[in-house]
Amino acid sequence: MDGAQPAQFRSARRTSERIHILGGDIDLVRPEEVMHHIGRFISAGKKAIIANHNSHSLYLLKTRPELASFFAKADLIEMDSTPVIFFARLLGMPSRTFHRCSYVDFRPLFWSMVAAKGYRVFYIGGAPGVVETASERLMAKHPGAVIGGRDGYFDATPGSAGNTEALGEIAAFKPDILFVGMGMPRQELWIEANLEALPNCVIMPVGAAFDYEADVQVAPPPWMSDAGLVWAFRLAQEPRRMFARYCLEPWALLPLAFKDVVAAIARRRAPLQITTSA
């Protein structure tokens, strides 16, 4: 990926779009804006990363410093957390609920665009059989979409036979968009480790996206997403696996939240800068 590309891309957008909150950088973009940028990246024929942040990734960014390099390379970082949106708005940032951009939020827009443009989408991740079931359903619902993929059950160690095989399958498919659904942070670290070997395409870590399409997991209803209750939905579904994420990890973000509140108060107290022309 062209190292100058992210800086050029960000400088072409409105200055209030990217915010820094809870230790991470996030772009305040709507789902339809994400679709626009996907199309633009594909048209440019360059490698681009569209990442996402939620409270879990912000916690991991604090506890797994190696993730910083991945997010620094991202061309776009979506907001995947309504509670973080609410906190940003409390700090005086221009965030709104329509800035939430998870796969569940943009999936109708995304697949309509893919079908209309004939984009090629490769999904790597999930258990054996998930990709096949999800692909059949999606292509039946969205004629024109071209979908391939493979499961995530392979040795992902760089240089291993399993990883080399997976990279070969992706290259042979020649995707316009690569979905990596291995769970966080494995998917981000895998992208980071294999970035140079991946073909020029839009690369998106999407977690359990195809698990939803194959009905392996149930997606939260829209009203729960809008109300910031996705955490409650997922906690009720998988209490053992999600307890630490939703009940313990947020406490580790309190020092960062306090720092953001102090910075917001300082901004509000700063004297208004008035410029005059000569």
Protein backbone atom coordinates (compact mmCIF):
# COMPACT_ATOMS: atom_id res chain seq x y z
CA MET A 1 0.00 0.00 0.00
CA ASP A 2 1.21 3.46 -0.83
CA GLY A 3 2.36 4.89 2.49
CA ALA A 4 1.27 8.42 1.49
CA GLN A 5 -2.23 7.34 0.55
CA PRO A 6 -3.91 7.56 4.01
CA ALA A 7 -2.59 11.09 4.58
CA GLN A 8 -3.74 12.22 1.13
CA PHE A 9 -7.12 10.59 1.62
CA ARG A 10 -7.70 12.18 5.02
CA SER A 11 -6.61 15.64 3.88
CA ALA A 12 -9.27 15.55 1.16
CA ARG A 13 -12.08 15.20 3.71
CA ARG A 14 -13.71 17.64 6.11
CA THR A 15 -11.49 18.38 9.11
CA SER A 16 -14.18 17.51 11.67
CA GLU A 17 -14.59 13.99 10.34
CA ARG A 18 -11.72 12.31 12.19
CA ILE A 19 -11.84 12.44 15.98
CA HIS A 20 -9.52 11.11 18.69
CA ILE A 21 -11.33 9.47 21.57
CA LEU A 22 -10.48 6.87 24.24
CA GLY A 23 -7.00 6.54 22.78
CA GLY A 24 -8.05 5.84 19.19
CA ASP A 25 -8.75 7.69 15.95
CA ILE A 26 -12.23 7.27 14.44
CA ASP A 27 -13.89 8.70 11.33
CA LEU A 28 -17.40 10.09 11.65
CA VAL A 29 -18.87 8.73 8.43
CA ARG A 30 -22.31 7.41 7.52
CA PRO A 31 -22.78 3.95 5.97
CA GLU A 32 -23.51 5.50 2.56
CA GLU A 33 -20.23 7.45 2.78
CA VAL A 34 -18.40 4.18 3.47
CA MET A 35 -19.93 2.73 0.30
CA HIS A 36 -18.72 5.78 -1.62
CA HIS A 37 -15.18 5.35 -0.34
CA ILE A 38 -15.19 1.62 -1.13
CA GLY A 39 -16.09 2.42 -4.73
CA ARG A 40 -13.44 5.11 -4.89
CA PHE A 41 -10.73 2.80 -3.57
CA ILE A 42 -11.68 0.07 -6.05
CA SER A 43 -11.66 2.54 -8.94
CA ALA A 44 -8.19 3.70 -7.91
CA GLY A 45 -6.94 0.09 -8.02
CA LYS A 46 -4.99 0.50 -4.81
CA LYS A 47 -4.84 -1.47 -1.58
CA ALA A 48 -6.91 0.13 1.18
CA ILE A 49 -7.95 -0.84 4.70
CA ILE A 50 -11.32 0.03 6.21
CA ALA A 51 -11.08 -0.73 9.92
CA ASN A 52 -13.49 -0.14 12.78
CA HIS A 53 -13.37 0.80 16.44
CA ASN A 54 -15.66 -0.11 19.31
CA SER A 55 -15.09 -0.27 23.05
CA HIS A 56 -13.48 -3.72 22.74
CA SER A 57 -10.97 -2.63 20.08
CA LEU A 58 -10.15 0.52 22.07
CA TYR A 59 -9.47 -1.70 25.08
CA LEU A 60 -7.28 -3.96 22.94
CA LEU A 61 -5.45 -0.93 21.56
CA LYS A 62 -4.54 -0.10 25.16
CA THR A 63 -3.52 -3.64 26.11
CA ARG A 64 -2.10 -4.88 22.78
CA PRO A 65 0.22 -2.10 21.54
CA GLU A 66 1.01 -4.02 18.34
CA LEU A 67 -2.48 -3.11 17.10
CA ALA A 68 -1.43 0.54 16.81
CA SER A 69 0.47 -0.21 13.60
CA PHE A 70 -2.61 -1.74 11.98
CA PHE A 71 -4.87 1.20 12.78
CA ALA A 72 -2.18 3.66 11.67
CA LYS A 73 -2.29 2.03 8.22
CA ALA A 74 -6.09 2.19 7.96
CA ASP A 75 -7.48 4.55 5.31
CA LEU A 76 -10.84 4.73 7.07
CA ILE A 77 -11.81 3.77 10.64
CA GLU A 78 -15.54 3.33 11.18
CA MET A 79 -17.40 3.93 14.44
CA ASP A 80 -18.85 0.59 15.56
CA SER A 81 -20.24 1.57 18.97
CA THR A 82 -23.29 3.60 19.89
CA PRO A 83 -22.06 4.14 23.50
CA VAL A 84 -18.81 5.63 22.14
CA ILE A 85 -20.90 7.84 19.82
CA PHE A 86 -22.87 9.09 22.84
CA PHE A 87 -19.65 9.73 24.77
CA ALA A 88 -18.13 11.64 21.84
CA ARG A 89 -21.24 13.81 21.61
CA LEU A 90 -21.03 14.47 25.35
CA LEU A 91 -17.50 15.74 24.75
CA GLY A 92 -18.80 18.21 22.16
CA MET A 93 -17.74 16.25 19.10
CA PRO A 94 -20.07 16.18 16.05
CA SER A 95 -21.01 12.51 16.44
CA ARG A 96 -24.54 11.23 15.82
CA THR A 97 -26.21 7.83 15.86
CA PHE A 98 -26.15 7.69 12.06
CA HIS A 99 -22.34 7.52 12.28
CA ARG A 100 -22.54 3.93 13.52
CA CYS A 101 -21.04 1.77 10.75
CA SER A 102 -20.88 -1.94 11.50
CA TYR A 103 -21.50 -4.72 8.98
CA VAL A 104 -24.97 -5.22 10.46
CA ASP A 105 -25.73 -1.54 9.80
CA PHE A 106 -24.55 -1.35 6.20
CA ARG A 107 -25.17 -4.88 4.88
CA PRO A 108 -28.22 -3.97 2.68
CA LEU A 109 -26.37 -1.01 1.16
CA PHE A 110 -23.20 -3.04 0.72
CA TRP A 111 -24.69 -6.03 -1.09
CA SER A 112 -26.88 -3.83 -3.29
CA MET A 113 -23.75 -1.95 -4.34
CA VAL A 114 -21.78 -5.17 -4.88
CA ALA A 115 -24.55 -6.64 -7.05
CA ALA A 116 -24.98 -3.47 -9.09
CA LYS A 117 -21.25 -3.06 -9.71
CA GLY A 118 -20.42 -6.75 -10.07
CA TYR A 119 -17.73 -6.52 -7.41
CA ARG A 120 -15.87 -9.66 -6.38
CA VAL A 121 -15.95 -10.33 -2.61
CA PHE A 122 -13.78 -12.91 -0.85
CA TYR A 123 -14.50 -13.84 2.77
CA ILE A 124 -11.87 -15.58 4.89
CA GLY A 125 -12.98 -16.77 8.32
CA GLY A 126 -15.67 -18.72 10.11
CA ALA A 127 -16.12 -22.45 10.60
CA PRO A 128 -16.10 -24.93 7.69
CA GLY A 129 -19.34 -24.65 5.71
CA VAL A 130 -20.23 -21.13 6.83
CA VAL A 131 -18.79 -19.37 3.77
CA GLU A 132 -20.53 -21.76 1.37
CA THR A 133 -23.94 -21.34 3.01
CA ALA A 134 -23.63 -17.56 3.32
CA SER A 135 -22.38 -17.17 -0.26
CA GLU A 136 -25.24 -19.22 -1.74
CA ARG A 137 -27.83 -17.17 0.13
CA LEU A 138 -26.26 -13.82 -0.71
CA MET A 139 -25.81 -14.57 -4.42
CA ALA A 140 -29.40 -15.82 -4.64
CA LYS A 141 -30.63 -12.62 -3.01
CA HIS A 142 -28.25 -10.32 -4.89
CA PRO A 143 -27.72 -11.57 -8.46
CA GLY A 144 -24.61 -9.99 -9.86
CA ALA A 145 -22.58 -10.38 -6.70
CA VAL A 146 -19.53 -12.65 -7.09
CA ILE A 147 -18.55 -14.25 -3.77
CA GLY A 148 -15.81 -16.68 -2.82
CA GLY A 149 -14.07 -17.63 0.37
CA ARG A 150 -12.70 -20.18 2.75
CA ASP A 151 -12.90 -20.98 6.46
CA GLY A 152 -10.60 -19.51 9.07
CA TYR A 153 -9.42 -22.85 10.43
CA PHE A 154 -5.82 -22.86 9.20
CA ASP A 155 -2.37 -22.18 10.59
CA ALA A 156 -2.20 -18.40 10.23
CA THR A 157 1.48 -18.22 11.14
CA PRO A 158 3.31 -16.21 8.45
CA GLY A 159 5.18 -18.57 6.16
CA SER A 160 3.24 -21.68 7.22
CA ALA A 161 1.78 -24.01 4.58
CA GLY A 162 -1.76 -23.17 5.69
CA ASN A 163 -1.23 -19.44 5.49
CA THR A 164 0.52 -19.66 2.14
CA GLU A 165 -2.40 -21.71 0.79
CA ALA A 166 -4.93 -19.16 2.07
CA LEU A 167 -3.04 -16.28 0.46
CA GLY A 168 -2.89 -18.22 -2.79
CA GLU A 169 -6.66 -18.74 -2.79
CA ILE A 170 -7.24 -15.02 -2.25
CA ALA A 171 -4.82 -14.05 -5.02
CA ALA A 172 -6.39 -16.53 -7.46
CA PHE A 173 -9.87 -15.13 -6.80
CA LYS A 174 -8.73 -11.55 -7.52
CA PRO A 175 -11.15 -9.84 -5.13
CA ASP A 176 -12.24 -6.24 -5.24
CA ILE A 177 -13.12 -6.53 -1.55
CA LEU A 178 -11.57 -8.85 1.02
CA PHE A 179 -13.60 -9.59 4.16
CA VAL A 180 -11.54 -10.95 7.05
CA GLY A 181 -13.77 -12.52 9.69
CA MET A 182 -11.49 -14.06 12.29
CA GLY A 183 -12.57 -12.13 15.36
CA MET A 184 -10.76 -9.26 17.02
CA PRO A 185 -7.76 -8.90 17.29
CA ARG A 186 -6.78 -11.98 15.23
CA GLN A 187 -8.24 -10.54 12.02
CA GLU A 188 -6.46 -7.19 12.39
CA LEU A 189 -3.13 -8.81 13.26
CA TRP A 190 -3.48 -11.23 10.33
CA ILE A 191 -4.10 -8.35 7.93
CA GLU A 192 -1.12 -6.47 9.34
CA ALA A 193 1.18 -9.50 9.03
CA ASN A 194 0.10 -10.32 5.47
CA LEU A 195 -0.59 -6.86 4.06
CA GLU A 196 2.24 -6.87 1.53
CA ALA A 197 1.22 -10.31 0.22
CA LEU A 198 -2.45 -9.42 -0.23
CA PRO A 199 -3.66 -8.22 -3.66
CA ASN A 200 -4.73 -4.65 -4.33
CA CYS A 201 -8.29 -4.52 -2.99
CA VAL A 202 -10.36 -3.04 -0.18
CA ILE A 203 -9.58 -5.00 3.00
CA MET A 204 -12.18 -5.01 5.77
CA PRO A 205 -12.11 -6.84 9.13
CA VAL A 206 -15.76 -7.79 9.64
CA GLY A 207 -15.89 -10.35 12.45
CA ALA A 208 -18.88 -12.67 12.26
CA ALA A 209 -20.45 -11.11 9.14
CA PHE A 210 -20.95 -14.41 7.33
CA ASP A 211 -22.05 -16.15 10.53
CA TYR A 212 -25.03 -13.78 10.41
CA GLU A 213 -25.69 -14.51 6.74
CA ALA A 214 -25.54 -18.28 7.38
CA ASP A 215 -27.75 -17.99 10.49
CA VAL A 216 -24.96 -19.36 12.69
CA GLN A 217 -25.36 -16.24 14.80
CA VAL A 218 -28.40 -13.99 15.20
CA ALA A 219 -27.85 -10.31 14.38
CA PRO A 220 -29.20 -7.76 16.88
CA PRO A 221 -32.40 -5.99 15.80
CA PRO A 222 -31.92 -2.43 14.47
CA TRP A 223 -33.69 -0.81 17.42
CA MET A 224 -31.14 -2.31 19.83
CA SER A 225 -28.29 -0.98 17.69
CA ASP A 226 -29.85 2.49 17.65
CA ALA A 227 -30.32 2.41 21.42
CA GLY A 228 -26.74 1.30 22.08
CA LEU A 229 -27.86 -2.08 23.43
CA VAL A 230 -25.93 -4.42 21.15
CA TRP A 231 -23.77 -5.29 24.15
CA ALA A 232 -26.85 -6.45 26.08
CA PHE A 233 -28.03 -8.54 23.12
CA ARG A 234 -24.67 -10.26 22.70
CA LEU A 235 -24.21 -10.70 26.46
CA ALA A 236 -27.60 -12.44 26.66
CA GLN A 237 -26.64 -14.72 23.76
CA GLU A 238 -23.14 -15.63 24.95
CA PRO A 239 -22.82 -14.69 28.66
CA ARG A 240 -19.66 -16.68 29.30
CA ARG A 241 -17.69 -15.41 26.31
CA MET A 242 -18.93 -11.82 26.47
CA PHE A 243 -18.92 -11.16 30.23
CA ALA A 244 -15.33 -9.88 30.37
CA ARG A 245 -15.77 -7.78 27.21
CA TYR A 246 -18.88 -5.94 28.32
CA CYS A 247 -18.67 -6.02 32.11
CA LEU A 248 -14.95 -5.74 32.86
CA GLU A 249 -13.12 -4.16 29.90
CA PRO A 250 -14.98 -0.80 29.99
CA TRP A 251 -13.53 -0.10 33.46
CA ALA A 252 -10.03 -0.16 31.95
CA LEU A 253 -11.07 2.72 29.65
CA LEU A 254 -12.01 5.04 32.54
CA PRO A 255 -8.56 6.74 32.73
CA LEU A 256 -8.76 7.49 29.00
CA ALA A 257 -12.34 8.73 29.38
CA PHE A 258 -11.28 11.03 32.22
CA LYS A 259 -8.44 12.38 30.07
CA ASP A 260 -10.90 13.07 27.23
CA VAL A 261 -13.29 14.88 29.59
CA VAL A 262 -10.46 17.09 30.91
CA ALA A 263 -9.40 17.91 27.33
CA ALA A 264 -13.00 18.74 26.37
CA ILE A 265 -13.36 21.11 29.34
CA ALA A 266 -10.09 22.81 28.38
CA ARG A 267 -11.32 23.30 24.80
CA ARG A 268 -14.54 24.89 26.01
CA ARG A 269 -12.67 27.26 28.32
CA ALA A 270 -10.13 28.29 25.68
CA PRO A 271 -10.64 31.87 24.48
CA LEU A 272 -12.28 32.26 21.10
CA GLN A 273 -9.73 32.85 18.36
CA ILE A 274 -10.74 35.68 16.05
CA THR A 275 -8.75 36.27 12.90
CA THR A 276 -8.81 39.53 10.99
CA SER A 277 -7.72 40.15 7.46
CA ALA A 278 -4.97 42.67 6.82
